[in-house]
Amino acid sequence: MNLNATLFIQSVVFLILGWVTMRFIWPPLIAAIEARQRKIAEGLASAEKGEKSLAEAKSVAADLVKEARIQAGKIIDQANRRSNELVEEARGTAIAEGQRLVSEARQEVALESGRAREQLRKQVAGIAVAGAGKLLGREIDAKAHSDLLEQLALEVEKG
């Protein structure tokens, strides 16, 4: 074979192969590459959008935590104020109850003191009448005895 014919046939085969490649192989290959580029671009855009959403969510979460802490502080302050009010109320109630008990005790002491004085007065009067009866040597009648006791009671109260 001739070198020119071989070179010519190889050139024709090369051109046919180039045409087949450009016509049937190259377009699907370019389409696949472009599709892959679109997917990568969409993935990058989604990742960027996700990062923005994450940053926004973190910001919202931080705001919610801050608000929750503020509300917790308010609730704690309110609870402290209420507990102080309850303590003061209990203290006031205890003081009032103590004063009432002291007043009742004083009244009871005054009542018992009056009873004791009355009983003592009767005993002193009885002793005085008995002593007077012995001194006089006679018994005093009941009416005179009663009058004398009342008179002595009045004198004891005054003196």
Foldseek 3Di string as FASTA:
>chain_A
DDPVVVVVVVVVVVVVVVVCCVPPPVVVVVVVVVVVVVVVVVVVVVVVVVVVVVVVVVVVVVVVVVVVVVVVVVVVVVVVVVVVVVVVVVVVVVVVVVVVVVVVVVVVVVVVVVVVLVVVLQVVLVVVQVVVCVVVVHHDDPVVSVVSSVVSSVVVVVD
